Structure formats: C-alpha cells, structure tokens
C-alpha atoms as a PDB file:
ATOM      1  CA  UNK A   1      39.598  41.034  12.760  1.00  0.00           C
ATOM      2  CA  UNK A   2      38.351  39.867  16.173  1.00  0.00           C
ATOM      3  CA  UNK A   3      34.902  41.270  15.414  1.00  0.00           C
ATOM      4  CA  UNK A   4      34.813  39.489  12.039  1.00  0.00           C
ATOM      5  CA  UNK A   5      35.755  36.201  13.718  1.00  0.00           C
ATOM      6  CA  UNK A   6      32.944  36.584  16.261  1.00  0.00           C
ATOM      7  CA  UNK A   7      30.411  37.375  13.531  1.00  0.00           C
ATOM      8  CA  UNK A   8      31.452  34.758  10.978  1.00  0.00           C
ATOM      9  CA  UNK A   9      32.292  31.943  13.413  1.00  0.00           C
ATOM     10  CA  UNK A  10      29.400  31.873  15.829  1.00  0.00           C
ATOM     11  CA  UNK A  11      29.213  29.057  18.370  1.00  0.00           C
ATOM     12  CA  UNK A  12      26.303  27.260  16.609  1.00  0.00           C
ATOM     13  CA  UNK A  13      28.227  27.237  13.322  1.00  0.00           C
ATOM     14  CA  UNK A  14      31.356  25.891  14.980  1.00  0.00           C
ATOM     15  CA  UNK A  15      29.342  23.285  16.887  1.00  0.00           C
ATOM     16  CA  UNK A  16      27.529  21.848  13.865  1.00  0.00           C
ATOM     17  CA  UNK A  17      30.733  21.841  11.787  1.00  0.00           C
ATOM     18  CA  UNK A  18      32.575  19.821  14.442  1.00  0.00           C
ATOM     19  CA  UNK A  19      29.566  17.525  14.903  1.00  0.00           C
ATOM     20  CA  UNK A  20      29.360  17.062  11.129  1.00  0.00           C
ATOM     21  CA  UNK A  21      33.018  16.005  10.953  1.00  0.00           C
ATOM     22  CA  UNK A  22      32.631  13.636  13.888  1.00  0.00           C
ATOM     23  CA  UNK A  23      29.531  11.908  12.496  1.00  0.00           C
ATOM     24  CA  UNK A  24      31.009  11.707   8.975  1.00  0.00           C
ATOM     25  CA  UNK A  25      34.140   9.921  10.194  1.00  0.00           C
ATOM     26  CA  UNK A  26      31.962   7.459  12.134  1.00  0.00           C
ATOM     27  CA  UNK A  27      29.311   6.561   9.548  1.00  0.00           C
ATOM     28  CA  UNK A  28      31.117   6.925   6.193  1.00  0.00           C
ATOM     29  CA  UNK A  29      32.927   3.634   5.788  1.00  0.00           C
ATOM     30  CA  UNK A  30      36.347   3.397   4.140  1.00  0.00           C
ATOM     31  CA  UNK A  31      38.456   0.285   3.657  1.00  0.00           C
ATOM     32  CA  UNK A  32      41.686   1.869   2.398  1.00  0.00           C
ATOM     33  CA  UNK A  33      43.373   5.138   3.297  1.00  0.00           C
ATOM     34  CA  UNK A  34      43.251   6.439  -0.280  1.00  0.00           C
ATOM     35  CA  UNK A  35      39.437   6.403  -0.070  1.00  0.00           C
ATOM     36  CA  UNK A  36      39.328   9.030   2.676  1.00  0.00           C
ATOM     37  CA  UNK A  37      39.567  11.917   0.211  1.00  0.00           C
ATOM     38  CA  UNK A  38      36.551  10.575  -1.673  1.00  0.00           C
ATOM     39  CA  UNK A  39      34.626  10.195   1.574  1.00  0.00           C
ATOM     40  CA  UNK A  40      35.429  13.785   2.557  1.00  0.00           C
ATOM     41  CA  UNK A  41      35.172  15.928  -0.568  1.00  0.00           C
ATOM     42  CA  UNK A  42      31.453  15.882  -1.421  1.00  0.00           C
ATOM     43  CA  UNK A  43      30.168  16.131   2.205  1.00  0.00           C
ATOM     44  CA  UNK A  44      32.640  18.911   3.001  1.00  0.00           C
ATOM     45  CA  UNK A  45      31.387  20.793  -0.073  1.00  0.00           C
ATOM     46  CA  UNK A  46      27.881  20.689   1.425  1.00  0.00           C
ATOM     47  CA  UNK A  47      29.253  21.960   4.727  1.00  0.00           C
ATOM     48  CA  UNK A  48      31.079  24.774   2.903  1.00  0.00           C
ATOM     49  CA  UNK A  49      28.101  26.153   0.996  1.00  0.00           C
ATOM     50  CA  UNK A  50      25.796  25.972   4.011  1.00  0.00           C
ATOM     51  CA  UNK A  51      28.457  27.432   6.297  1.00  0.00           C
ATOM     52  CA  UNK A  52      29.352  30.407   4.072  1.00  0.00           C
ATOM     53  CA  UNK A  53      25.944  31.253   2.591  1.00  0.00           C
ATOM     54  CA  UNK A  54      25.170  33.829   5.279  1.00  0.00           C
ATOM     55  CA  UNK A  55      28.544  35.607   5.157  1.00  0.00           C
ATOM     56  CA  UNK A  56      26.824  38.763   3.936  1.00  0.00           C
ATOM     57  CA  UNK A  57      23.110  38.074   4.379  1.00  0.00           C
ATOM     58  CA  UNK A  58      23.525  37.901   8.148  1.00  0.00           C
ATOM     59  CA  UNK A  59      23.845  41.690   7.976  1.00  0.00           C
ATOM     60  CA  UNK A  60      20.348  41.788   6.458  1.00  0.00           C
ATOM     61  CA  UNK A  61      18.854  39.274   8.907  1.00  0.00           C
ATOM     62  CA  UNK A  62      20.322  41.077  11.912  1.00  0.00           C
ATOM     63  CA  UNK A  63      19.088  44.423  10.513  1.00  0.00           C
ATOM     64  CA  UNK A  64      22.581  45.868  10.412  1.00  0.00           C
ATOM     65  CA  UNK A  65      22.365  46.470   6.666  1.00  0.00           C
ATOM     66  CA  UNK A  66      21.394  50.148   7.018  1.00  0.00           C
ATOM     67  CA  UNK A  67      24.463  50.817   9.139  1.00  0.00           C
ATOM     68  CA  UNK A  68      26.497  48.614   6.822  1.00  0.00           C
ATOM     69  CA  UNK A  69      25.589  50.844   3.868  1.00  0.00           C
ATOM     70  CA  UNK A  70      27.105  53.853   5.594  1.00  0.00           C
ATOM     71  CA  UNK A  71      30.555  52.246   5.393  1.00  0.00           C
ATOM     72  CA  UNK A  72      32.735  52.905   2.319  1.00  0.00           C
ATOM     73  CA  UNK A  73      32.323  50.267  -0.379  1.00  0.00           C
ATOM     74  CA  UNK A  74      35.985  49.268  -0.203  1.00  0.00           C
ATOM     75  CA  UNK A  75      35.699  48.599   3.524  1.00  0.00           C
ATOM     76  CA  UNK A  76      32.552  46.518   3.039  1.00  0.00           C
ATOM     77  CA  UNK A  77      34.128  44.362   0.341  1.00  0.00           C
ATOM     78  CA  UNK A  78      37.309  43.810   2.339  1.00  0.00           C
ATOM     79  CA  UNK A  79      35.197  42.842   5.340  1.00  0.00           C
ATOM     80  CA  UNK A  80      33.370  40.187   3.311  1.00  0.00           C
ATOM     81  CA  UNK A  81      36.656  38.863   1.932  1.00  0.00           C
ATOM     82  CA  UNK A  82      38.061  38.594   5.465  1.00  0.00           C
ATOM     83  CA  UNK A  83      35.014  36.741   6.736  1.00  0.00           C
ATOM     84  CA  UNK A  84      35.152  34.298   3.840  1.00  0.00           C
ATOM     85  CA  UNK A  85      38.860  33.693   4.503  1.00  0.00           C
ATOM     86  CA  UNK A  86      38.210  33.121   8.220  1.00  0.00           C
ATOM     87  CA  UNK A  87      35.447  30.614   7.500  1.00  0.00           C
ATOM     88  CA  UNK A  88      37.465  28.802   4.846  1.00  0.00           C
ATOM     89  CA  UNK A  89      40.474  28.421   7.162  1.00  0.00           C
ATOM     90  CA  UNK A  90      38.196  27.032   9.855  1.00  0.00           C
ATOM     91  CA  UNK A  91      36.619  24.549   7.431  1.00  0.00           C
ATOM     92  CA  UNK A  92      40.028  23.469   6.137  1.00  0.00           C
ATOM     93  CA  UNK A  93      41.065  22.771   9.725  1.00  0.00           C
ATOM     94  CA  UNK A  94      37.893  20.713  10.183  1.00  0.00           C
ATOM     95  CA  UNK A  95      38.736  18.765   7.003  1.00  0.00           C
ATOM     96  CA  UNK A  96      42.259  18.038   8.264  1.00  0.00           C
ATOM     97  CA  UNK A  97      40.920  16.863  11.623  1.00  0.00           C
ATOM     98  CA  UNK A  98      38.306  14.716   9.858  1.00  0.00           C
ATOM     99  CA  UNK A  99      41.051  13.016   7.883  1.00  0.00           C
ATOM    100  CA  UNK A 100      42.715  11.999  11.130  1.00  0.00           C
ATOM    101  CA  UNK A 101      39.409  10.889  12.677  1.00  0.00           C
ATOM    102  CA  UNK A 102      38.955   8.327   9.915  1.00  0.00           C
ATOM    103  CA  UNK A 103      42.193   6.703  11.051  1.00  0.00           C
ATOM    104  CA  UNK A 104      41.144   6.939  14.692  1.00  0.00           C
ATOM    105  CA  UNK A 105      37.665   5.432  14.309  1.00  0.00           C
ATOM    106  CA  UNK A 106      37.999   3.140  11.296  1.00  0.00           C
ATOM    107  CA  UNK A 107      41.693   2.277  11.100  1.00  0.00           C
ATOM    108  CA  UNK A 108      41.726   1.897   7.282  1.00  0.00           C
ATOM    109  CA  UNK A 109      44.380  -0.171   5.566  1.00  0.00           C
ATOM    110  CA  UNK A 110      47.253   1.952   4.339  1.00  0.00           C
ATOM    111  CA  UNK A 111      47.109   1.672   0.583  1.00  0.00           C
ATOM    112  CA  UNK A 112      50.550   1.177  -0.949  1.00  0.00           C
ATOM    113  CA  UNK A 113      51.012   1.580  -4.692  1.00  0.00           C
ATOM    114  CA  UNK A 114      52.926  -1.098  -6.546  1.00  0.00           C
ATOM    115  CA  UNK A 115      55.805   1.288  -7.182  1.00  0.00           C
ATOM    116  CA  UNK A 116      55.573   2.750  -3.658  1.00  0.00           C
ATOM    117  CA  UNK A 117      55.520   6.263  -5.130  1.00  0.00           C
ATOM    118  CA  UNK A 118      52.958   7.802  -2.772  1.00  0.00           C
ATOM    119  CA  UNK A 119      53.488   7.932   0.978  1.00  0.00           C
ATOM    120  CA  UNK A 120      50.643   8.402   3.448  1.00  0.00           C
ATOM    121  CA  UNK A 121      51.868  11.890   4.344  1.00  0.00           C
ATOM    122  CA  UNK A 122      52.036  12.873   0.676  1.00  0.00           C
ATOM    123  CA  UNK A 123      48.522  11.531   0.179  1.00  0.00           C
ATOM    124  CA  UNK A 124      47.295  13.635   3.093  1.00  0.00           C
ATOM    125  CA  UNK A 125      48.779  16.885   1.768  1.00  0.00           C
ATOM    126  CA  UNK A 126      47.434  16.251  -1.753  1.00  0.00           C
ATOM    127  CA  UNK A 127      43.994  15.628  -0.250  1.00  0.00           C
ATOM    128  CA  UNK A 128      44.260  18.793   1.845  1.00  0.00           C
ATOM    129  CA  UNK A 129      45.199  20.861  -1.228  1.00  0.00           C
ATOM    130  CA  UNK A 130      42.245  19.478  -3.190  1.00  0.00           C
ATOM    131  CA  UNK A 131      39.987  20.078  -0.201  1.00  0.00           C
ATOM    132  CA  UNK A 132      41.136  23.698   0.098  1.00  0.00           C
ATOM    133  CA  UNK A 133      40.086  24.346  -3.515  1.00  0.00           C
ATOM    134  CA  UNK A 134      36.757  22.533  -3.061  1.00  0.00           C
ATOM    135  CA  UNK A 135      35.907  24.384   0.151  1.00  0.00           C
ATOM    136  CA  UNK A 136      36.918  27.717  -1.326  1.00  0.00           C
ATOM    137  CA  UNK A 137      34.869  27.230  -4.477  1.00  0.00           C
ATOM    138  CA  UNK A 138      31.622  26.183  -2.810  1.00  0.00           C
ATOM    139  CA  UNK A 139      31.915  28.738  -0.018  1.00  0.00           C
ATOM    140  CA  UNK A 140      32.524  31.623  -2.421  1.00  0.00           C
ATOM    141  CA  UNK A 141      29.790  30.484  -4.815  1.00  0.00           C
ATOM    142  CA  UNK A 142      27.112  30.176  -2.125  1.00  0.00           C
ATOM    143  CA  UNK A 143      28.012  33.607  -0.773  1.00  0.00           C
ATOM    144  CA  UNK A 144      27.842  35.144  -4.267  1.00  0.00           C
ATOM    145  CA  UNK A 145      24.408  33.668  -5.021  1.00  0.00           C
ATOM    146  CA  UNK A 146      23.153  34.701  -1.582  1.00  0.00           C
ATOM    147  CA  UNK A 147      24.350  38.273  -2.160  1.00  0.00           C
ATOM    148  CA  UNK A 148      22.755  38.345  -5.605  1.00  0.00           C
ATOM    149  CA  UNK A 149      19.324  37.307  -4.307  1.00  0.00           C
ATOM    150  CA  UNK A 150      19.764  38.693  -0.766  1.00  0.00           C
ATOM    151  CA  UNK A 151      18.713  35.305   0.584  1.00  0.00           C
ATOM    152  CA  UNK A 152      20.997  32.615   2.023  1.00  0.00           C
ATOM    153  CA  UNK A 153      18.502  29.834   1.224  1.00  0.00           C
ATOM    154  CA  UNK A 154      18.656  30.648  -2.474  1.00  0.00           C
ATOM    155  CA  UNK A 155      22.441  30.446  -2.252  1.00  0.00           C
ATOM    156  CA  UNK A 156      22.271  27.060  -0.547  1.00  0.00           C
ATOM    157  CA  UNK A 157      19.605  25.774  -2.942  1.00  0.00           C
ATOM    158  CA  UNK A 158      21.477  26.899  -6.044  1.00  0.00           C
ATOM    159  CA  UNK A 159      24.670  25.233  -4.868  1.00  0.00           C
ATOM    160  CA  UNK A 160      22.782  22.063  -3.965  1.00  0.00           C
ATOM    161  CA  UNK A 161      21.451  21.769  -7.521  1.00  0.00           C
ATOM    162  CA  UNK A 162      24.951  22.169  -8.963  1.00  0.00           C
ATOM    163  CA  UNK A 163      26.356  19.761  -6.353  1.00  0.00           C
ATOM    164  CA  UNK A 164      23.783  17.106  -7.292  1.00  0.00           C
ATOM    165  CA  UNK A 165      24.585  17.385 -10.997  1.00  0.00           C
ATOM    166  CA  UNK A 166      28.373  17.317 -10.699  1.00  0.00           C
ATOM    167  CA  UNK A 167      28.654  14.789  -7.871  1.00  0.00           C
ATOM    168  CA  UNK A 168      27.113  11.986  -9.903  1.00  0.00           C
ATOM    169  CA  UNK A 169      28.008   9.329 -12.436  1.00  0.00           C
ATOM    170  CA  UNK A 170      26.316  11.458 -15.097  1.00  0.00           C
ATOM    171  CA  UNK A 171      28.401  14.463 -14.102  1.00  0.00           C
ATOM    172  CA  UNK A 172      31.576  12.398 -14.268  1.00  0.00           C
ATOM    173  CA  UNK A 173      30.576  11.050 -17.678  1.00  0.00           C
ATOM    174  CA  UNK A 174      29.812  14.512 -19.080  1.00  0.00           C
ATOM    175  CA  UNK A 175      32.627  16.583 -17.571  1.00  0.00           C
ATOM    176  CA  UNK A 176      35.314  13.967 -17.023  1.00  0.00           C
ATOM    177  CA  UNK A 177      38.550  15.444 -15.690  1.00  0.00           C
ATOM    178  CA  UNK A 178      36.946  18.916 -15.806  1.00  0.00           C
ATOM    179  CA  UNK A 179      34.299  17.966 -13.260  1.00  0.00           C
ATOM    180  CA  UNK A 180      34.122  20.042 -10.077  1.00  0.00           C
ATOM    181  CA  UNK A 181      34.523  16.786  -8.142  1.00  0.00           C
ATOM    182  CA  UNK A 182      37.303  15.422 -10.325  1.00  0.00           C
ATOM    183  CA  UNK A 183      39.342  14.513  -7.231  1.00  0.00           C
ATOM    184  CA  UNK A 184      36.613  12.151  -6.026  1.00  0.00           C
ATOM    185  CA  UNK A 185      36.340  10.498  -9.455  1.00  0.00           C
ATOM    186  CA  UNK A 186      40.101  10.149  -9.975  1.00  0.00           C
ATOM    187  CA  UNK A 187      41.848   6.866 -10.740  1.00  0.00           C
ATOM    188  CA  UNK A 188      42.741   5.519  -7.300  1.00  0.00           C
ATOM    189  CA  UNK A 189      45.005   2.843  -8.741  1.00  0.00           C
ATOM    190  CA  UNK A 190      47.347   5.322 -10.416  1.00  0.00           C
ATOM    191  CA  UNK A 191      48.954   7.892  -8.099  1.00  0.00           C
ATOM    192  CA  UNK A 192      50.804   9.459 -11.043  1.00  0.00           C
ATOM    193  CA  UNK A 193      47.534  10.407 -12.760  1.00  0.00           C
ATOM    194  CA  UNK A 194      46.908  14.064 -11.968  1.00  0.00           C
ATOM    195  CA  UNK A 195      44.255  14.745 -14.615  1.00  0.00           C
ATOM    196  CA  UNK A 196      41.870  15.571 -11.764  1.00  0.00           C
ATOM    197  CA  UNK A 197      43.761  18.852 -11.380  1.00  0.00           C
ATOM    198  CA  UNK A 198      41.849  20.173 -14.421  1.00  0.00           C
ATOM    199  CA  UNK A 199      38.663  20.116 -12.385  1.00  0.00           C
ATOM    200  CA  UNK A 200      40.327  22.006  -9.569  1.00  0.00           C
ATOM    201  CA  UNK A 201      41.608  24.610 -12.046  1.00  0.00           C
ATOM    202  CA  UNK A 202      37.988  25.106 -13.136  1.00  0.00           C
ATOM    203  CA  UNK A 203      37.020  25.630  -9.472  1.00  0.00           C
ATOM    204  CA  UNK A 204      39.821  28.168  -8.985  1.00  0.00           C
ATOM    205  CA  UNK A 205      38.929  30.119 -12.147  1.00  0.00           C
ATOM    206  CA  UNK A 206      35.227  30.272 -11.291  1.00  0.00           C
ATOM    207  CA  UNK A 207      36.088  31.233  -7.712  1.00  0.00           C
ATOM    208  CA  UNK A 208      38.282  34.119  -8.914  1.00  0.00           C
ATOM    209  CA  UNK A 209      35.528  35.348 -11.231  1.00  0.00           C
ATOM    210  CA  UNK A 210      33.006  35.130  -8.378  1.00  0.00           C
ATOM    211  CA  UNK A 211      35.245  37.172  -6.082  1.00  0.00           C
ATOM    212  CA  UNK A 212      35.775  39.742  -8.841  1.00  0.00           C
ATOM    213  CA  UNK A 213      32.013  40.002  -9.452  1.00  0.00           C
ATOM    214  CA  UNK A 214      31.174  40.409  -5.754  1.00  0.00           C
ATOM    215  CA  UNK A 215      31.835  44.205  -5.511  1.00  0.00           C
ATOM    216  CA  UNK A 216      29.460  44.933  -8.405  1.00  0.00           C
ATOM    217  CA  UNK A 217      26.748  42.776  -6.857  1.00  0.00           C
ATOM    218  CA  UNK A 218      27.141  44.420  -3.452  1.00  0.00           C
ATOM    219  CA  UNK A 219      26.859  47.883  -5.069  1.00  0.00           C
ATOM    220  CA  UNK A 220      23.576  46.946  -6.765  1.00  0.00           C
ATOM    221  CA  UNK A 221      22.062  44.663  -4.147  1.00  0.00           C
ATOM    222  CA  UNK A 222      23.725  45.827  -0.929  1.00  0.00           C
END
C-alpha cells in the first residue's frame, strides 16, 4: 500500500492539485453558498481525468512494464484498483477543502430556502456525495481509455471531448436529468428536487462497467 501511495501520489501531482484548488477558490466567483457545488464540479472533473490518466501508463513511461507483466494478472488488476482508490480519496479530500476555501476567500451568502429545509451542513454533504461520483467517473474513464490506447494523452483528450459536450447548454438540453453534470444543472431554487441523481446513476453504472472491462483490456494491451 505504501508503495502504491508513493507511485500514484507523487509530489508534483499533489502540488498541482492543491494549487488548482487554491486558485479555483480565488478566481471562480460565487455569490451564494449553494453555487459552490456548481463552481466545483466541472473543474474538479478536469482535475480527476488529468490526475488519474497515468495510473497504469506510468508503468510504460517508467519502463517498468516488462517487470509488471511478470506479476500475476490478479495482482496487477488489484494494484490498479488500489491506485485509483488512493487517487480518488485524495481528490475527494481536495474537493472538501476547496469547498471550505470558498467560504474563507469569498464569504458567500448562506442561501436559505423558503421552507428552511436544507441546512448548510446538509448542502455540503450532498455536494461531497455528488463530487465523489463525479471524481470517480472521470478518473476511472480516463484510466480506461489510457490503458486501451497505452497513452495517457489519449485518455485525457477523449475525456476532454466528452466533458466539453456534456458540460454545456446543449448537453443539458439533450440529456437533461441524465446528463453527467446533472448536479451542476440542477434547480437551485428547489432543494427537494433530486432529479439530478439520475445523472449520477449514469456515472456510477458507466464507472462499474469501465472497472469490469479493465482486466480484459490489461490482458490484451498490458
């Protein structure tokens, strides 16, 4: 586990993730606290697919792939799963810290619904849950594409194309509540409207399929 942490969380990756969160909370303006989730989701998705794209391909770049192939397939797959989990937990921590930094640097107005049904703490945990799904989806997808083409830049590029399509007015119009960024396009005025969960279910299902397909891809391309 310690070795996987050292490999998957190198100092440069940690440094640019922290810097990214710091700059985002400074330059992305929000007026109300319920806008923080919108400000975070799409940028954190970019961080996730750039951060996790080299989870496996770093073995190729560092020329450890020949040694890597000597390990049993089960061990190799479990190692990749562990590294993904380590990176996702780190990114989720960064997202949680970023949420607090918005309050520190911008002091947004606490948005209170007319019926007072959503507290600030509840809003934070809902945002964190949505963020966990978003980070997991984009991290797993970029790793899968990178493994398929044995190139991290293809993984990043493929995810960027999908990100551009779904994180847009056109994407919201086409996919609606099933959009990958449904949380960002949710109805902010109605805290009881959880239709955005459909989009997160899509992310979870695709993520599960991607994880299930990973062993077959590693066998053919590893």
